Amino acid sequence: MTQPARDERDYFERIYTVVEAVPSGKVATYGDIATIVGDGCDARVVGHALGALGARSATVPWQRIINRTGGISLTGHGQKELLEAEGVGFDERGQARMDLHHWSGPSEDWARARGFHPLPAPTPKPAAAQLSLF
């Protein structure tokens, strides 16, 4: 595999810095990381950066980054096992329990001090309409 260009390596380093902030027992989505990095980053770029980790995979907790539905990437060999060892639970479909383990992002102070963006507050989901039997 060819080495990324210098600018791309710098961009990837910014992604790795955010991934390193995801605590053990929590997961973030590719899109979460892209939002925090900003500057035109998108989920695909995050995926490319994690795919280019090489030897850094021993120090950057790549396994904590999953897709938006809680799914493991097809190439995430051992990812589920690593997450389970950190206490991340999965549902019957093999999806990470986002309701329990989704990282809310870095503090605003941490993000701003490093030139990143905090994640926006989650929007509450509308309550399900109650069925009336009468």
C-alpha atoms as a PDB file:
ATOM      1  CA  MET A   1       0.000   0.000   0.000  1.00  0.00           C
ATOM      2  CA  THR A   2       1.326   3.438  -0.831  1.00  0.00           C
ATOM      3  CA  GLN A   3       1.961   5.981   1.909  1.00  0.00           C
ATOM      4  CA  PRO A   4      -0.497   8.887   2.078  1.00  0.00           C
ATOM      5  CA  ALA A   5       0.778  12.305   0.990  1.00  0.00           C
ATOM      6  CA  ARG A   6       2.037  14.621   3.743  1.00  0.00           C
ATOM      7  CA  ASP A   7      -1.135  16.755   3.855  1.00  0.00           C
ATOM      8  CA  GLU A   8      -3.236  13.603   3.992  1.00  0.00           C
ATOM      9  CA  ARG A   9      -1.065  12.227   6.836  1.00  0.00           C
ATOM     10  CA  ASP A  10      -1.614  15.457   8.783  1.00  0.00           C
ATOM     11  CA  TYR A  11      -5.359  15.160   8.181  1.00  0.00           C
ATOM     12  CA  PHE A  12      -5.289  11.516   9.245  1.00  0.00           C
ATOM     13  CA  GLU A  13      -3.387  12.516  12.416  1.00  0.00           C
ATOM     14  CA  ARG A  14      -6.257  14.848  13.306  1.00  0.00           C
ATOM     15  CA  ILE A  15      -8.664  11.934  12.881  1.00  0.00           C
ATOM     16  CA  TYR A  16      -6.462   9.694  15.047  1.00  0.00           C
ATOM     17  CA  THR A  17      -6.370  12.350  17.779  1.00  0.00           C
ATOM     18  CA  VAL A  18     -10.169  12.296  17.967  1.00  0.00           C
ATOM     19  CA  VAL A  19     -10.375   8.491  17.833  1.00  0.00           C
ATOM     20  CA  GLU A  20      -7.895   8.314  20.726  1.00  0.00           C
ATOM     21  CA  ALA A  21     -10.312  10.440  22.789  1.00  0.00           C
ATOM     22  CA  VAL A  22     -13.131   7.866  22.553  1.00  0.00           C
ATOM     23  CA  PRO A  23     -13.089   6.166  25.964  1.00  0.00           C
ATOM     24  CA  SER A  24     -12.993   2.433  26.528  1.00  0.00           C
ATOM     25  CA  GLY A  25     -16.505   0.992  26.664  1.00  0.00           C
ATOM     26  CA  LYS A  26     -17.859   3.638  24.287  1.00  0.00           C
ATOM     27  CA  VAL A  27     -18.290   3.714  20.514  1.00  0.00           C
ATOM     28  CA  ALA A  28     -18.510   6.535  17.990  1.00  0.00           C
ATOM     29  CA  THR A  29     -19.601   6.508  14.392  1.00  0.00           C
ATOM     30  CA  TYR A  30     -17.475   7.385  11.400  1.00  0.00           C
ATOM     31  CA  GLY A  31     -19.770  10.380  10.974  1.00  0.00           C
ATOM     32  CA  ASP A  32     -19.262  11.474  14.590  1.00  0.00           C
ATOM     33  CA  ILE A  33     -15.509  11.550  14.094  1.00  0.00           C
ATOM     34  CA  ALA A  34     -15.904  13.460  10.809  1.00  0.00           C
ATOM     35  CA  THR A  35     -18.161  16.042  12.483  1.00  0.00           C
ATOM     36  CA  ILE A  36     -15.660  16.588  15.281  1.00  0.00           C
ATOM     37  CA  VAL A  37     -12.717  16.926  12.852  1.00  0.00           C
ATOM     38  CA  GLY A  38     -14.668  19.257  10.531  1.00  0.00           C
ATOM     39  CA  ASP A  39     -12.791  20.942   7.675  1.00  0.00           C
ATOM     40  CA  GLY A  40     -14.604  18.916   5.016  1.00  0.00           C
ATOM     41  CA  CYS A  41     -14.007  15.573   6.683  1.00  0.00           C
ATOM     42  CA  ASP A  42     -16.644  12.935   6.000  1.00  0.00           C
ATOM     43  CA  ALA A  43     -17.282   9.383   7.142  1.00  0.00           C
ATOM     44  CA  ARG A  44     -15.447   7.901   4.150  1.00  0.00           C
ATOM     45  CA  VAL A  45     -12.301   9.878   4.937  1.00  0.00           C
ATOM     46  CA  VAL A  46     -12.440   8.555   8.510  1.00  0.00           C
ATOM     47  CA  GLY A  47     -12.723   5.022   7.127  1.00  0.00           C
ATOM     48  CA  HIS A  48      -9.729   5.587   4.838  1.00  0.00           C
ATOM     49  CA  ALA A  49      -7.695   6.970   7.730  1.00  0.00           C
ATOM     50  CA  LEU A  50      -8.468   3.978   9.926  1.00  0.00           C
ATOM     51  CA  GLY A  51      -7.666   1.656   7.041  1.00  0.00           C
ATOM     52  CA  ALA A  52      -4.249   3.320   6.739  1.00  0.00           C
ATOM     53  CA  LEU A  53      -3.302   2.857  10.413  1.00  0.00           C
ATOM     54  CA  GLY A  54      -0.793   0.075   9.817  1.00  0.00           C
ATOM     55  CA  ALA A  55       1.392  -0.352  12.910  1.00  0.00           C
ATOM     56  CA  ARG A  56      -0.503   2.486  14.627  1.00  0.00           C
ATOM     57  CA  SER A  57      -3.464   0.143  15.040  1.00  0.00           C
ATOM     58  CA  ALA A  58      -1.834  -0.996  18.280  1.00  0.00           C
ATOM     59  CA  THR A  59      -2.215   2.482  19.800  1.00  0.00           C
ATOM     60  CA  VAL A  60      -5.247   4.050  18.074  1.00  0.00           C
ATOM     61  CA  PRO A  61      -8.474   2.372  19.314  1.00  0.00           C
ATOM     62  CA  TRP A  62      -9.909   1.854  15.819  1.00  0.00           C
ATOM     63  CA  GLN A  63     -12.324  -0.795  17.089  1.00  0.00           C
ATOM     64  CA  ARG A  64     -14.408   1.902  18.818  1.00  0.00           C
ATOM     65  CA  ILE A  65     -15.460   3.411  15.489  1.00  0.00           C
ATOM     66  CA  ILE A  66     -18.510   1.761  13.950  1.00  0.00           C
ATOM     67  CA  ASN A  67     -21.247   2.590  11.476  1.00  0.00           C
ATOM     68  CA  ARG A  68     -24.231   4.754  12.382  1.00  0.00           C
ATOM     69  CA  THR A  69     -26.512   1.811  13.126  1.00  0.00           C
ATOM     70  CA  GLY A  70     -24.045   0.156  15.483  1.00  0.00           C
ATOM     71  CA  GLY A  71     -22.708  -2.245  12.888  1.00  0.00           C
ATOM     72  CA  ILE A  72     -19.184  -3.538  12.563  1.00  0.00           C
ATOM     73  CA  SER A  73     -17.414  -3.023   9.267  1.00  0.00           C
ATOM     74  CA  LEU A  74     -16.956  -6.090   7.111  1.00  0.00           C
ATOM     75  CA  THR A  75     -13.188  -5.825   7.473  1.00  0.00           C
ATOM     76  CA  GLY A  76     -13.248  -5.315  11.260  1.00  0.00           C
ATOM     77  CA  HIS A  77     -11.523  -8.607  12.065  1.00  0.00           C
ATOM     78  CA  GLY A  78     -11.836  -9.135  15.810  1.00  0.00           C
ATOM     79  CA  GLN A  79     -13.560  -5.771  16.272  1.00  0.00           C
ATOM     80  CA  LYS A  80     -16.605  -7.181  18.065  1.00  0.00           C
ATOM     81  CA  GLU A  81     -14.432  -9.228  20.395  1.00  0.00           C
ATOM     82  CA  LEU A  82     -12.284  -6.191  21.250  1.00  0.00           C
ATOM     83  CA  LEU A  83     -15.397  -4.127  21.980  1.00  0.00           C
ATOM     84  CA  GLU A  84     -16.948  -6.888  24.089  1.00  0.00           C
ATOM     85  CA  ALA A  85     -13.714  -7.053  26.114  1.00  0.00           C
ATOM     86  CA  GLU A  86     -14.221  -3.326  26.825  1.00  0.00           C
ATOM     87  CA  GLY A  87     -17.790  -3.954  28.011  1.00  0.00           C
ATOM     88  CA  VAL A  88     -19.692  -2.889  24.893  1.00  0.00           C
ATOM     89  CA  GLY A  89     -22.927  -4.842  24.588  1.00  0.00           C
ATOM     90  CA  PHE A  90     -24.554  -6.023  21.372  1.00  0.00           C
ATOM     91  CA  ASP A  91     -28.150  -6.775  20.489  1.00  0.00           C
ATOM     92  CA  GLU A  92     -29.511  -9.958  18.939  1.00  0.00           C
ATOM     93  CA  ARG A  93     -28.639  -8.655  15.443  1.00  0.00           C
ATOM     94  CA  GLY A  94     -24.982  -8.154  16.378  1.00  0.00           C
ATOM     95  CA  GLN A  95     -25.295  -4.353  16.477  1.00  0.00           C
ATOM     96  CA  ALA A  96     -23.614  -2.384  19.271  1.00  0.00           C
ATOM     97  CA  ARG A  97     -26.116  -1.085  21.814  1.00  0.00           C
ATOM     98  CA  MET A  98     -25.933   2.564  20.803  1.00  0.00           C
ATOM     99  CA  ASP A  99     -28.418   3.533  23.515  1.00  0.00           C
ATOM    100  CA  LEU A 100     -25.894   2.403  26.127  1.00  0.00           C
ATOM    101  CA  HIS A 101     -22.481   2.887  24.533  1.00  0.00           C
ATOM    102  CA  HIS A 102     -22.651   5.786  22.058  1.00  0.00           C
ATOM    103  CA  TRP A 103     -20.043   8.399  22.987  1.00  0.00           C
ATOM    104  CA  SER A 104     -21.478  11.889  23.325  1.00  0.00           C
ATOM    105  CA  GLY A 105     -18.244  13.396  22.003  1.00  0.00           C
ATOM    106  CA  PRO A 106     -15.480  15.421  23.598  1.00  0.00           C
ATOM    107  CA  SER A 107     -16.108  18.345  25.889  1.00  0.00           C
ATOM    108  CA  GLU A 108     -16.423  21.679  24.171  1.00  0.00           C
ATOM    109  CA  ASP A 109     -13.216  22.854  25.906  1.00  0.00           C
ATOM    110  CA  TRP A 110     -11.237  19.808  24.684  1.00  0.00           C
ATOM    111  CA  ALA A 111     -12.547  20.193  21.148  1.00  0.00           C
ATOM    112  CA  ARG A 112     -11.963  23.937  20.848  1.00  0.00           C
ATOM    113  CA  ALA A 113      -8.474  23.741  22.398  1.00  0.00           C
ATOM    114  CA  ARG A 114      -7.461  21.364  19.599  1.00  0.00           C
ATOM    115  CA  GLY A 115      -9.248  23.085  16.721  1.00  0.00           C
ATOM    116  CA  PHE A 116     -12.095  20.553  16.623  1.00  0.00           C
ATOM    117  CA  HIS A 117     -15.859  20.823  16.956  1.00  0.00           C
ATOM    118  CA  PRO A 118     -18.027  19.352  19.714  1.00  0.00           C
ATOM    119  CA  LEU A 119     -20.808  17.056  18.613  1.00  0.00           C
ATOM    120  CA  PRO A 120     -24.213  18.717  18.543  1.00  0.00           C
ATOM    121  CA  ALA A 121     -26.563  17.677  21.324  1.00  0.00           C
ATOM    122  CA  PRO A 122     -28.728  14.750  20.271  1.00  0.00           C
ATOM    123  CA  THR A 123     -32.243  15.633  19.252  1.00  0.00           C
ATOM    124  CA  PRO A 124     -34.859  13.905  21.365  1.00  0.00           C
ATOM    125  CA  LYS A 125     -36.836  11.284  19.548  1.00  0.00           C
ATOM    126  CA  PRO A 126     -40.581  11.915  19.453  1.00  0.00           C
ATOM    127  CA  ALA A 127     -42.552   9.769  21.835  1.00  0.00           C
ATOM    128  CA  ALA A 128     -44.416   6.972  20.161  1.00  0.00           C
ATOM    129  CA  ALA A 129     -48.098   7.653  19.830  1.00  0.00           C
ATOM    130  CA  GLN A 130     -50.090   5.707  22.361  1.00  0.00           C
ATOM    131  CA  LEU A 131     -52.792   3.533  20.895  1.00  0.00           C
ATOM    132  CA  SER A 132     -56.224   3.990  22.290  1.00  0.00           C
ATOM    133  CA  LEU A 133     -58.399   0.955  22.676  1.00  0.00           C
ATOM    134  CA  PHE A 134     -61.549   3.006  23.129  1.00  0.00           C
END
